[in-house]
Amino acid sequence: MELATGRRAVDGGEECLLEWARRVMGSGRLGLSSATIPVVLLGSGLAEGADEMSELLRIGIGCTAEAPQRRPNMKEVLAMLIKLSSCRPSRGEIPFLRHADFQD
């Protein structure tokens, strides 16, 4: 979440990043905006991936759910990340993945 927002996990006396992200997500403002995208990315042309960054924040918030049974397991997280990526990685890019790992 730090990379996607440009915020620190804990920044002085302010609310922690997780509390901030949950509050912003609850307000329906978690998406393409200057509130969630680091200023350095907005002016660099790298903000084109803002939708993906917003989805990464949603995944991160899901992974930090207070109730452990509500958190996705790593297989589910990996499936979400692969789905989010614009192209599937080849087997050579992530050698420990096997096609069988994603079979039901």
PDB file of N, CA and C in Angstrom:
ATOM      1  N   MET A   1       0.823  -1.183   0.000  1.00  0.00           N
ATOM      2  CA  MET A   1       0.000   0.000   0.000  1.00  0.00           C
ATOM      3  C   MET A   1       0.872   1.254   0.000  1.00  0.00           C
ATOM      4  N   GLU A   2       2.050   1.159   0.608  1.00  0.00           N
ATOM      5  CA  GLU A   2       2.943   2.321   0.622  1.00  0.00           C
ATOM      6  C   GLU A   2       3.352   2.711  -0.794  1.00  0.00           C
ATOM      7  N   LEU A   3       3.674   1.733  -1.623  1.00  0.00           N
ATOM      8  CA  LEU A   3       4.100   2.025  -2.993  1.00  0.00           C
ATOM      9  C   LEU A   3       2.975   2.617  -3.822  1.00  0.00           C
ATOM     10  N   ALA A   4       1.778   2.110  -3.647  1.00  0.00           N
ATOM     11  CA  ALA A   4       0.650   2.573  -4.452  1.00  0.00           C
ATOM     12  C   ALA A   4       0.164   3.955  -4.045  1.00  0.00           C
ATOM     13  N   THR A   5       0.382   4.336  -2.786  1.00  0.00           N
ATOM     14  CA  THR A   5      -0.142   5.621  -2.313  1.00  0.00           C
ATOM     15  C   THR A   5       0.927   6.683  -2.104  1.00  0.00           C
ATOM     16  N   GLY A   6       2.184   6.274  -1.958  1.00  0.00           N
ATOM     17  CA  GLY A   6       3.236   7.231  -1.655  1.00  0.00           C
ATOM     18  C   GLY A   6       3.218   7.670  -0.200  1.00  0.00           C
ATOM     19  N   ARG A   7       2.408   7.026   0.619  1.00  0.00           N
ATOM     20  CA  ARG A   7       2.319   7.350   2.045  1.00  0.00           C
ATOM     21  C   ARG A   7       3.133   6.340   2.842  1.00  0.00           C
ATOM     22  N   ARG A   8       3.552   6.758   4.024  1.00  0.00           N
ATOM     23  CA  ARG A   8       4.250   5.847   4.928  1.00  0.00           C
ATOM     24  C   ARG A   8       3.219   5.041   5.711  1.00  0.00           C
ATOM     25  N   ALA A   9       3.618   3.859   6.166  1.00  0.00           N
ATOM     26  CA  ALA A   9       2.706   3.012   6.939  1.00  0.00           C
ATOM     27  C   ALA A   9       2.239   3.743   8.193  1.00  0.00           C
ATOM     28  N   VAL A  10       3.164   4.392   8.872  1.00  0.00           N
ATOM     29  CA  VAL A  10       2.842   5.216  10.037  1.00  0.00           C
ATOM     30  C   VAL A  10       3.595   6.515   9.857  1.00  0.00           C
ATOM     31  N   ASP A  11       2.872   7.620   9.862  1.00  0.00           N
ATOM     32  CA  ASP A  11       3.493   8.911   9.587  1.00  0.00           C
ATOM     33  C   ASP A  11       3.236   9.874  10.738  1.00  0.00           C
ATOM     34  N   GLY A  12       4.139   9.885  11.706  1.00  0.00           N
ATOM     35  CA  GLY A  12       3.996  10.804  12.836  1.00  0.00           C
ATOM     36  C   GLY A  12       2.729  10.550  13.619  1.00  0.00           C
ATOM     37  N   GLY A  13       2.006  11.607  13.925  1.00  0.00           N
ATOM     38  CA  GLY A  13       0.788  11.496  14.703  1.00  0.00           C
ATOM     39  C   GLY A  13      -0.444  11.247  13.865  1.00  0.00           C
ATOM     40  N   GLU A  14      -0.292  11.188  12.543  1.00  0.00           N
ATOM     41  CA  GLU A  14      -1.437  10.992  11.662  1.00  0.00           C
ATOM     42  C   GLU A  14      -1.927   9.549  11.721  1.00  0.00           C
ATOM     43  N   GLU A  15      -3.101   9.302  11.138  1.00  0.00           N
ATOM     44  CA  GLU A  15      -3.615   7.937  11.115  1.00  0.00           C
ATOM     45  C   GLU A  15      -2.701   7.049  10.278  1.00  0.00           C
ATOM     46  N   CYS A  16      -2.652   5.776  10.633  1.00  0.00           N
ATOM     47  CA  CYS A  16      -1.788   4.853   9.890  1.00  0.00           C
ATOM     48  C   CYS A  16      -2.365   4.618   8.491  1.00  0.00           C
ATOM     49  N   LEU A  17      -1.532   4.139   7.609  1.00  0.00           N
ATOM     50  CA  LEU A  17      -1.907   3.932   6.211  1.00  0.00           C
ATOM     51  C   LEU A  17      -3.114   3.008   6.080  1.00  0.00           C
ATOM     52  N   LEU A  18      -3.139   1.949   6.851  1.00  0.00           N
ATOM     53  CA  LEU A  18      -4.253   1.010   6.763  1.00  0.00           C
ATOM     54  C   LEU A  18      -5.567   1.675   7.159  1.00  0.00           C
ATOM     55  N   GLU A  19      -5.564   2.442   8.239  1.00  0.00           N
ATOM     56  CA  GLU A  19      -6.780   3.152   8.655  1.00  0.00           C
ATOM     57  C   GLU A  19      -7.214   4.146   7.581  1.00  0.00           C
ATOM     58  N   TRP A  20      -6.246   4.870   7.021  1.00  0.00           N
ATOM     59  CA  TRP A  20      -6.548   5.838   5.964  1.00  0.00           C
ATOM     60  C   TRP A  20      -7.171   5.141   4.755  1.00  0.00           C
ATOM     61  N   ALA A  21      -6.544   4.034   4.317  1.00  0.00           N
ATOM     62  CA  ALA A  21      -7.035   3.324   3.133  1.00  0.00           C
ATOM     63  C   ALA A  21      -8.437   2.773   3.368  1.00  0.00           C
ATOM     64  N   ARG A  22      -8.679   2.237   4.557  1.00  0.00           N
ATOM     65  CA  ARG A  22     -10.023   1.728   4.867  1.00  0.00           C
ATOM     66  C   ARG A  22     -11.043   2.866   4.866  1.00  0.00           C
ATOM     67  N   ARG A  23     -10.663   4.012   5.418  1.00  0.00           N
ATOM     68  CA  ARG A  23     -11.573   5.161   5.459  1.00  0.00           C
ATOM     69  C   ARG A  23     -11.877   5.646   4.043  1.00  0.00           C
ATOM     70  N   VAL A  24     -10.845   5.778   3.221  1.00  0.00           N
ATOM     71  CA  VAL A  24     -11.025   6.243   1.842  1.00  0.00           C
ATOM     72  C   VAL A  24     -11.845   5.234   1.049  1.00  0.00           C
ATOM     73  N   MET A  25     -11.575   3.946   1.244  1.00  0.00           N
ATOM     74  CA  MET A  25     -12.329   2.919   0.535  1.00  0.00           C
ATOM     75  C   MET A  25     -13.794   2.939   0.980  1.00  0.00           C
ATOM     76  N   GLY A  26     -14.034   3.119   2.249  1.00  0.00           N
ATOM     77  CA  GLY A  26     -15.394   3.170   2.771  1.00  0.00           C
ATOM     78  C   GLY A  26     -16.178   4.359   2.255  1.00  0.00           C
ATOM     79  N   SER A  27     -15.473   5.439   1.924  1.00  0.00           N
ATOM     80  CA  SER A  27     -16.150   6.630   1.415  1.00  0.00           C
ATOM     81  C   SER A  27     -16.407   6.541  -0.087  1.00  0.00           C
ATOM     82  N   GLY A  28     -15.900   5.474  -0.705  1.00  0.00           N
ATOM     83  CA  GLY A  28     -16.091   5.304  -2.146  1.00  0.00           C
ATOM     84  C   GLY A  28     -15.127   6.125  -2.976  1.00  0.00           C
ATOM     85  N   ARG A  29     -14.092   6.702  -2.346  1.00  0.00           N
ATOM     86  CA  ARG A  29     -13.150   7.554  -3.075  1.00  0.00           C
ATOM     87  C   ARG A  29     -11.884   6.819  -3.472  1.00  0.00           C
ATOM     88  N   LEU A  30     -11.793   5.522  -3.182  1.00  0.00           N
ATOM     89  CA  LEU A  30     -10.581   4.794  -3.525  1.00  0.00           C
ATOM     90  C   LEU A  30     -10.596   4.503  -5.016  1.00  0.00           C
ATOM     91  N   GLY A  31      -9.840   5.249  -5.751  1.00  0.00           N
ATOM     92  CA  GLY A  31      -9.805   5.097  -7.198  1.00  0.00           C
ATOM     93  C   GLY A  31      -8.853   6.113  -7.781  1.00  0.00           C
ATOM     94  N   LEU A  32      -8.991   6.377  -9.032  1.00  0.00           N
ATOM     95  CA  LEU A  32      -8.126   7.301  -9.744  1.00  0.00           C
ATOM     96  C   LEU A  32      -8.329   8.713  -9.233  1.00  0.00           C
ATOM     97  N   SER A  33      -7.424   9.170  -8.382  1.00  0.00           N
ATOM     98  CA  SER A  33      -7.514  10.528  -7.853  1.00  0.00           C
ATOM     99  C   SER A  33      -6.192  10.921  -7.232  1.00  0.00           C
ATOM    100  N   SER A  34      -6.039  12.196  -6.979  1.00  0.00           N
ATOM    101  CA  SER A  34      -4.822  12.676  -6.332  1.00  0.00           C
ATOM    102  C   SER A  34      -4.779  12.259  -4.874  1.00  0.00           C
ATOM    103  N   ALA A  35      -5.901  11.798  -4.320  1.00  0.00           N
ATOM    104  CA  ALA A  35      -5.916  11.351  -2.931  1.00  0.00           C
ATOM    105  C   ALA A  35      -5.224  10.009  -2.769  1.00  0.00           C
ATOM    106  N   THR A  36      -5.209   9.195  -3.808  1.00  0.00           N
ATOM    107  CA  THR A  36      -4.636   7.862  -3.680  1.00  0.00           C
ATOM    108  C   THR A  36      -3.374   7.643  -4.496  1.00  0.00           C
ATOM    109  N   ILE A  37      -3.081   8.512  -5.443  1.00  0.00           N
ATOM    110  CA  ILE A  37      -1.913   8.324  -6.302  1.00  0.00           C
ATOM    111  C   ILE A  37      -0.823   9.302  -5.888  1.00  0.00           C
ATOM    112  N   PRO A  38       0.393   8.795  -5.671  1.00  0.00           N
ATOM    113  CA  PRO A  38       1.477   9.694  -5.284  1.00  0.00           C
ATOM    114  C   PRO A  38       1.665  10.834  -6.282  1.00  0.00           C
ATOM    115  N   VAL A  39       1.923  12.011  -5.772  1.00  0.00           N
ATOM    116  CA  VAL A  39       2.111  13.201  -6.605  1.00  0.00           C
ATOM    117  C   VAL A  39       3.197  12.977  -7.642  1.00  0.00           C
ATOM    118  N   VAL A  40       4.258  12.282  -7.284  1.00  0.00           N
ATOM    119  CA  VAL A  40       5.360  12.061  -8.216  1.00  0.00           C
ATOM    120  C   VAL A  40       4.895  11.263  -9.438  1.00  0.00           C
ATOM    121  N   LEU A  41       3.895  10.398  -9.288  1.00  0.00           N
ATOM    122  CA  LEU A  41       3.399   9.625 -10.424  1.00  0.00           C
ATOM    123  C   LEU A  41       2.436  10.415 -11.289  1.00  0.00           C
ATOM    124  N   LEU A  42       1.681  11.313 -10.689  1.00  0.00           N
ATOM    125  CA  LEU A  42       0.683  12.070 -11.443  1.00  0.00           C
ATOM    126  C   LEU A  42       1.301  12.878 -12.574  1.00  0.00           C
ATOM    127  N   GLY A  43       2.482  13.450 -12.345  1.00  0.00           N
ATOM    128  CA  GLY A  43       3.107  14.280 -13.361  1.00  0.00           C
ATOM    129  C   GLY A  43       4.106  13.553 -14.223  1.00  0.00           C
ATOM    130  N   SER A  44       4.257  12.247 -14.031  1.00  0.00           N
ATOM    131  CA  SER A  44       5.314  11.526 -14.725  1.00  0.00           C
ATOM    132  C   SER A  44       4.842  10.672 -15.889  1.00  0.00           C
ATOM    133  N   GLY A  45       3.546  10.574 -16.083  1.00  0.00           N
ATOM    134  CA  GLY A  45       3.040   9.678 -17.114  1.00  0.00           C
ATOM    135  C   GLY A  45       2.863   8.262 -16.608  1.00  0.00           C
ATOM    136  N   LEU A  46       3.349   7.974 -15.400  1.00  0.00           N
ATOM    137  CA  LEU A  46       3.209   6.640 -14.838  1.00  0.00           C
ATOM    138  C   LEU A  46       1.831   6.408 -14.236  1.00  0.00           C
ATOM    139  N   ALA A  47       1.043   7.455 -14.136  1.00  0.00           N
ATOM    140  CA  ALA A  47      -0.294   7.334 -13.546  1.00  0.00           C
ATOM    141  C   ALA A  47      -1.260   6.613 -14.470  1.00  0.00           C
ATOM    142  N   GLU A  48      -0.796   6.232 -15.670  1.00  0.00           N
ATOM    143  CA  GLU A  48      -1.654   5.480 -16.585  1.00  0.00           C
ATOM    144  C   GLU A  48      -2.137   4.194 -15.938  1.00  0.00           C
ATOM    145  N   GLY A  49      -1.359   3.642 -15.028  1.00  0.00           N
ATOM    146  CA  GLY A  49      -1.722   2.408 -14.339  1.00  0.00           C
ATOM    147  C   GLY A  49      -2.496   2.660 -13.063  1.00  0.00           C
ATOM    148  N   ALA A  50      -3.150   3.806 -12.959  1.00  0.00           N
ATOM    149  CA  ALA A  50      -3.846   4.169 -11.726  1.00  0.00           C
ATOM    150  C   ALA A  50      -4.963   3.198 -11.375  1.00  0.00           C
ATOM    151  N   ASP A  51      -5.666   2.684 -12.372  1.00  0.00           N
ATOM    152  CA  ASP A  51      -6.727   1.721 -12.082  1.00  0.00           C
ATOM    153  C   ASP A  51      -6.140   0.460 -11.458  1.00  0.00           C
ATOM    154  N   GLU A  52      -5.011   0.014 -11.992  1.00  0.00           N
ATOM    155  CA  GLU A  52      -4.343  -1.158 -11.439  1.00  0.00           C
ATOM    156  C   GLU A  52      -3.854  -0.878 -10.027  1.00  0.00           C
ATOM    157  N   MET A  53      -3.329   0.329  -9.812  1.00  0.00           N
ATOM    158  CA  MET A  53      -2.868   0.689  -8.474  1.00  0.00           C
ATOM    159  C   MET A  53      -4.032   0.690  -7.490  1.00  0.00           C
ATOM    160  N   SER A  54      -5.172   1.192  -7.908  1.00  0.00           N
ATOM    161  CA  SER A  54      -6.352   1.194  -7.046  1.00  0.00           C
ATOM    162  C   SER A  54      -6.774  -0.233  -6.713  1.00  0.00           C
ATOM    163  N   GLU A  55      -6.705  -1.102  -7.703  1.00  0.00           N
ATOM    164  CA  GLU A  55      -7.064  -2.503  -7.450  1.00  0.00           C
ATOM    165  C   GLU A  55      -6.053  -3.156  -6.513  1.00  0.00           C
ATOM    166  N   LEU A  56      -4.771  -2.805  -6.654  1.00  0.00           N
ATOM    167  CA  LEU A  56      -3.765  -3.317  -5.722  1.00  0.00           C
ATOM    168  C   LEU A  56      -4.073  -2.870  -4.298  1.00  0.00           C
ATOM    169  N   LEU A  57      -4.537  -1.643  -4.143  1.00  0.00           N
ATOM    170  CA  LEU A  57      -4.932  -1.169  -2.814  1.00  0.00           C
ATOM    171  C   LEU A  57      -6.095  -1.992  -2.273  1.00  0.00           C
ATOM    172  N   ARG A  58      -7.054  -2.281  -3.108  1.00  0.00           N
ATOM    173  CA  ARG A  58      -8.194  -3.102  -2.671  1.00  0.00           C
ATOM    174  C   ARG A  58      -7.722  -4.489  -2.226  1.00  0.00           C
ATOM    175  N   ILE A  59      -6.807  -5.073  -2.984  1.00  0.00           N
ATOM    176  CA  ILE A  59      -6.258  -6.382  -2.621  1.00  0.00           C
ATOM    177  C   ILE A  59      -5.517  -6.276  -1.292  1.00  0.00           C
ATOM    178  N   GLY A  60      -4.713  -5.225  -1.145  1.00  0.00           N
ATOM    179  CA  GLY A  60      -3.980  -5.018   0.104  1.00  0.00           C
ATOM    180  C   GLY A  60      -4.896  -4.867   1.301  1.00  0.00           C
ATOM    181  N   ILE A  61      -5.981  -4.141   1.125  1.00  0.00           N
ATOM    182  CA  ILE A  61      -6.945  -3.973   2.213  1.00  0.00           C
ATOM    183  C   ILE A  61      -7.592  -5.316   2.540  1.00  0.00           C
ATOM    184  N   GLY A  62      -7.900  -6.093   1.515  1.00  0.00           N
ATOM    185  CA  GLY A  62      -8.464  -7.424   1.755  1.00  0.00           C
ATOM    186  C   GLY A  62      -7.511  -8.323   2.521  1.00  0.00           C
ATOM    187  N   CYS A  63      -6.227  -8.200   2.231  1.00  0.00           N
ATOM    188  CA  CYS A  63      -5.217  -9.023   2.903  1.00  0.00           C
ATOM    189  C   CYS A  63      -5.006  -8.616   4.359  1.00  0.00           C
ATOM    190  N   THR A  64      -5.491  -7.456   4.726  1.00  0.00           N
ATOM    191  CA  THR A  64      -5.311  -6.970   6.094  1.00  0.00           C
ATOM    192  C   THR A  64      -6.625  -6.921   6.860  1.00  0.00           C
ATOM    193  N   ALA A  65      -7.624  -7.659   6.391  1.00  0.00           N
ATOM    194  CA  ALA A  65      -8.908  -7.701   7.095  1.00  0.00           C
ATOM    195  C   ALA A  65      -8.677  -8.113   8.545  1.00  0.00           C
ATOM    196  N   GLU A  66      -9.433  -7.503   9.452  1.00  0.00           N
ATOM    197  CA  GLU A  66      -9.255  -7.802  10.875  1.00  0.00           C
ATOM    198  C   GLU A  66      -9.523  -9.267  11.189  1.00  0.00           C
ATOM    199  N   ALA A  67     -10.547  -9.844  10.604  1.00  0.00           N
ATOM    200  CA  ALA A  67     -10.866 -11.257  10.840  1.00  0.00           C
ATOM    201  C   ALA A  67     -10.057 -12.126   9.877  1.00  0.00           C
ATOM    202  N   PRO A  68      -9.167 -12.966  10.383  1.00  0.00           N
ATOM    203  CA  PRO A  68      -8.322 -13.781   9.506  1.00  0.00           C
ATOM    204  C   PRO A  68      -9.095 -14.604   8.479  1.00  0.00           C
ATOM    205  N   GLN A  69     -10.276 -15.100   8.837  1.00  0.00           N
ATOM    206  CA  GLN A  69     -11.049 -15.917   7.899  1.00  0.00           C
ATOM    207  C   GLN A  69     -11.566 -15.108   6.718  1.00  0.00           C
ATOM    208  N   ARG A  70     -11.549 -13.780   6.820  1.00  0.00           N
ATOM    209  CA  ARG A  70     -11.988 -12.923   5.713  1.00  0.00           C
ATOM    210  C   ARG A  70     -10.841 -12.570   4.768  1.00  0.00           C
ATOM    211  N   ARG A  71      -9.612 -12.885   5.153  1.00  0.00           N
ATOM    212  CA  ARG A  71      -8.447 -12.590   4.310  1.00  0.00           C
ATOM    213  C   ARG A  71      -8.300 -13.666   3.232  1.00  0.00           C
ATOM    214  N   PRO A  72      -7.920 -13.269   2.026  1.00  0.00           N
ATOM    215  CA  PRO A  72      -7.668 -14.278   0.988  1.00  0.00           C
ATOM    216  C   PRO A  72      -6.387 -15.038   1.303  1.00  0.00           C
ATOM    217  N   ASN A  73      -6.331 -16.310   0.886  1.00  0.00           N
ATOM    218  CA  ASN A  73      -5.080 -17.045   1.065  1.00  0.00           C
ATOM    219  C   ASN A  73      -4.131 -16.649  -0.067  1.00  0.00           C
ATOM    220  N   MET A  74      -2.889 -17.094   0.016  1.00  0.00           N
ATOM    221  CA  MET A  74      -1.890 -16.653  -0.963  1.00  0.00           C
ATOM    222  C   MET A  74      -2.219 -17.126  -2.378  1.00  0.00           C
ATOM    223  N   LYS A  75      -2.832 -18.283  -2.507  1.00  0.00           N
ATOM    224  CA  LYS A  75      -3.215 -18.762  -3.835  1.00  0.00           C
ATOM    225  C   LYS A  75      -4.249 -17.815  -4.445  1.00  0.00           C
ATOM    226  N   GLU A  76      -5.191 -17.358  -3.633  1.00  0.00           N
ATOM    227  CA  GLU A  76      -6.208 -16.421  -4.111  1.00  0.00           C
ATOM    228  C   GLU A  76      -5.591 -15.066  -4.456  1.00  0.00           C
ATOM    229  N   VAL A  77      -4.653 -14.611  -3.620  1.00  0.00           N
ATOM    230  CA  VAL A  77      -3.978 -13.334  -3.882  1.00  0.00           C
ATOM    231  C   VAL A  77      -3.209 -13.415  -5.194  1.00  0.00           C
ATOM    232  N   LEU A  78      -2.483 -14.493  -5.376  1.00  0.00           N
ATOM    233  CA  LEU A  78      -1.717 -14.659  -6.610  1.00  0.00           C
ATOM    234  C   LEU A  78      -2.638 -14.678  -7.824  1.00  0.00           C
ATOM    235  N   ALA A  79      -3.766 -15.367  -7.709  1.00  0.00           N
ATOM    236  CA  ALA A  79      -4.724 -15.406  -8.821  1.00  0.00           C
ATOM    237  C   ALA A  79      -5.248 -14.002  -9.123  1.00  0.00           C
ATOM    238  N   MET A  80      -5.519 -13.203  -8.083  1.00  0.00           N
ATOM    239  CA  MET A  80      -5.992 -11.827  -8.296  1.00  0.00           C
ATOM    240  C   MET A  80      -4.924 -10.992  -8.990  1.00  0.00           C
ATOM    241  N   LEU A  81      -3.668 -11.164  -8.576  1.00  0.00           N
ATOM    242  CA  LEU A  81      -2.579 -10.388  -9.168  1.00  0.00           C
ATOM    243  C   LEU A  81      -2.342 -10.780 -10.623  1.00  0.00           C
ATOM    244  N   ILE A  82      -2.417 -12.062 -10.912  1.00  0.00           N
ATOM    245  CA  ILE A  82      -2.246 -12.512 -12.297  1.00  0.00           C
ATOM    246  C   ILE A  82      -3.379 -11.978 -13.160  1.00  0.00           C
ATOM    247  N   LYS A  83      -4.598 -12.025 -12.643  1.00  0.00           N
ATOM    248  CA  LYS A  83      -5.749 -11.497 -13.385  1.00  0.00           C
ATOM    249  C   LYS A  83      -5.590 -10.003 -13.632  1.00  0.00           C
ATOM    250  N   LEU A  84      -5.037  -9.305 -12.656  1.00  0.00           N
ATOM    251  CA  LEU A  84      -4.852  -7.863 -12.764  1.00  0.00           C
ATOM    252  C   LEU A  84      -3.796  -7.490 -13.800  1.00  0.00           C
ATOM    253  N   SER A  85      -2.787  -8.321 -13.925  1.00  0.00           N
ATOM    254  CA  SER A  85      -1.706  -7.995 -14.860  1.00  0.00           C
ATOM    255  C   SER A  85      -2.222  -8.020 -16.292  1.00  0.00           C
ATOM    256  N   SER A  86      -1.623  -7.226 -17.141  1.00  0.00           N
ATOM    257  CA  SER A  86      -2.088  -7.121 -18.530  1.00  0.00           C
ATOM    258  C   SER A  86      -1.756  -8.356 -19.349  1.00  0.00           C
ATOM    259  N   CYS A  87      -0.743  -9.090 -18.937  1.00  0.00           N
ATOM    260  CA  CYS A  87      -0.411 -10.333 -19.628  1.00  0.00           C
ATOM    261  C   CYS A  87       0.045 -11.352 -18.598  1.00  0.00           C
ATOM    262  N   ARG A  88      -0.290 -12.596 -18.848  1.00  0.00           N
ATOM    263  CA  ARG A  88       0.126 -13.658 -17.930  1.00  0.00           C
ATOM    264  C   ARG A  88       1.640 -13.835 -18.029  1.00  0.00           C
ATOM    265  N   PRO A  89       2.276 -14.019 -16.893  1.00  0.00           N
ATOM    266  CA  PRO A  89       3.720 -14.279 -16.936  1.00  0.00           C
ATOM    267  C   PRO A  89       3.988 -15.654 -17.542  1.00  0.00           C
ATOM    268  N   SER A  90       5.094 -15.746 -18.238  1.00  0.00           N
ATOM    269  CA  SER A  90       5.464 -17.056 -18.771  1.00  0.00           C
ATOM    270  C   SER A  90       6.045 -17.885 -17.640  1.00  0.00           C
ATOM    271  N   ARG A  91       6.102 -19.161 -17.828  1.00  0.00           N
ATOM    272  CA  ARG A  91       6.642 -20.033 -16.783  1.00  0.00           C
ATOM    273  C   ARG A  91       8.066 -19.632 -16.417  1.00  0.00           C
ATOM    274  N   GLY A  92       8.809 -19.127 -17.374  1.00  0.00           N
ATOM    275  CA  GLY A  92      10.188 -18.752 -17.106  1.00  0.00           C
ATOM    276  C   GLY A  92      10.317 -17.558 -16.178  1.00  0.00           C
ATOM    277  N   GLU A  93       9.311 -16.700 -16.139  1.00  0.00           N
ATOM    278  CA  GLU A  93       9.384 -15.510 -15.296  1.00  0.00           C
ATOM    279  C   GLU A  93       9.179 -15.834 -13.823  1.00  0.00           C
ATOM    280  N   ILE A  94       8.295 -16.796 -13.531  1.00  0.00           N
ATOM    281  CA  ILE A  94       8.045 -17.185 -12.151  1.00  0.00           C
ATOM    282  C   ILE A  94       8.201 -18.703 -12.090  1.00  0.00           C
ATOM    283  N   PRO A  95       9.428 -19.184 -11.899  1.00  0.00           N
ATOM    284  CA  PRO A  95       9.715 -20.606 -12.050  1.00  0.00           C
ATOM    285  C   PRO A  95       9.001 -21.517 -11.062  1.00  0.00           C
ATOM    286  N   PHE A  96       8.569 -21.022  -9.913  1.00  0.00           N
ATOM    287  CA  PHE A  96       7.939 -21.896  -8.931  1.00  0.00           C
ATOM    288  C   PHE A  96       6.456 -22.111  -9.195  1.00  0.00           C
ATOM    289  N   LEU A  97       5.895 -21.422 -10.192  1.00  0.00           N
ATOM    290  CA  LEU A  97       4.484 -21.603 -10.534  1.00  0.00           C
ATOM    291  C   LEU A  97       4.329 -22.748 -11.519  1.00  0.00           C
ATOM    292  N   ARG A  98       3.299 -23.532 -11.296  1.00  0.00           N
ATOM    293  CA  ARG A  98       2.961 -24.588 -12.241  1.00  0.00           C
ATOM    294  C   ARG A  98       1.499 -24.410 -12.604  1.00  0.00           C
ATOM    295  N   HIS A  99       1.148 -24.740 -13.821  1.00  0.00           N
ATOM    296  CA  HIS A  99      -0.242 -24.612 -14.268  1.00  0.00           C
ATOM    297  C   HIS A  99      -1.169 -25.380 -13.334  1.00  0.00           C
ATOM    298  N   ALA A 100      -0.729 -26.513 -12.818  1.00  0.00           N
ATOM    299  CA  ALA A 100      -1.560 -27.333 -11.935  1.00  0.00           C
ATOM    300  C   ALA A 100      -1.928 -26.595 -10.649  1.00  0.00           C
ATOM    301  N   ASP A 101      -1.134 -25.620 -10.255  1.00  0.00           N
ATOM    302  CA  ASP A 101      -1.419 -24.859  -9.038  1.00  0.00           C
ATOM    303  C   ASP A 101      -2.714 -24.078  -9.145  1.00  0.00           C
ATOM    304  N   PHE A 102      -3.179 -23.825 -10.353  1.00  0.00           N
ATOM    305  CA  PHE A 102      -4.364 -23.005 -10.547  1.00  0.00           C
ATOM    306  C   PHE A 102      -5.578 -23.822 -10.966  1.00  0.00           C
ATOM    307  N   GLN A 103      -5.450 -25.134 -10.952  1.00  0.00           N
ATOM    308  CA  GLN A 103      -6.573 -26.002 -11.285  1.00  0.00           C
ATOM    309  C   GLN A 103      -7.445 -26.183 -10.056  1.00  0.00           C
ATOM    310  N   ASP A 104      -8.745 -26.244 -10.249  1.00  0.00           N
ATOM    311  CA  ASP A 104      -9.674 -26.453  -9.120  1.00  0.00           C
ATOM    312  C   ASP A 104      -9.668 -27.884  -8.653  1.00  0.00           C
TER     313      ASP A 104
END
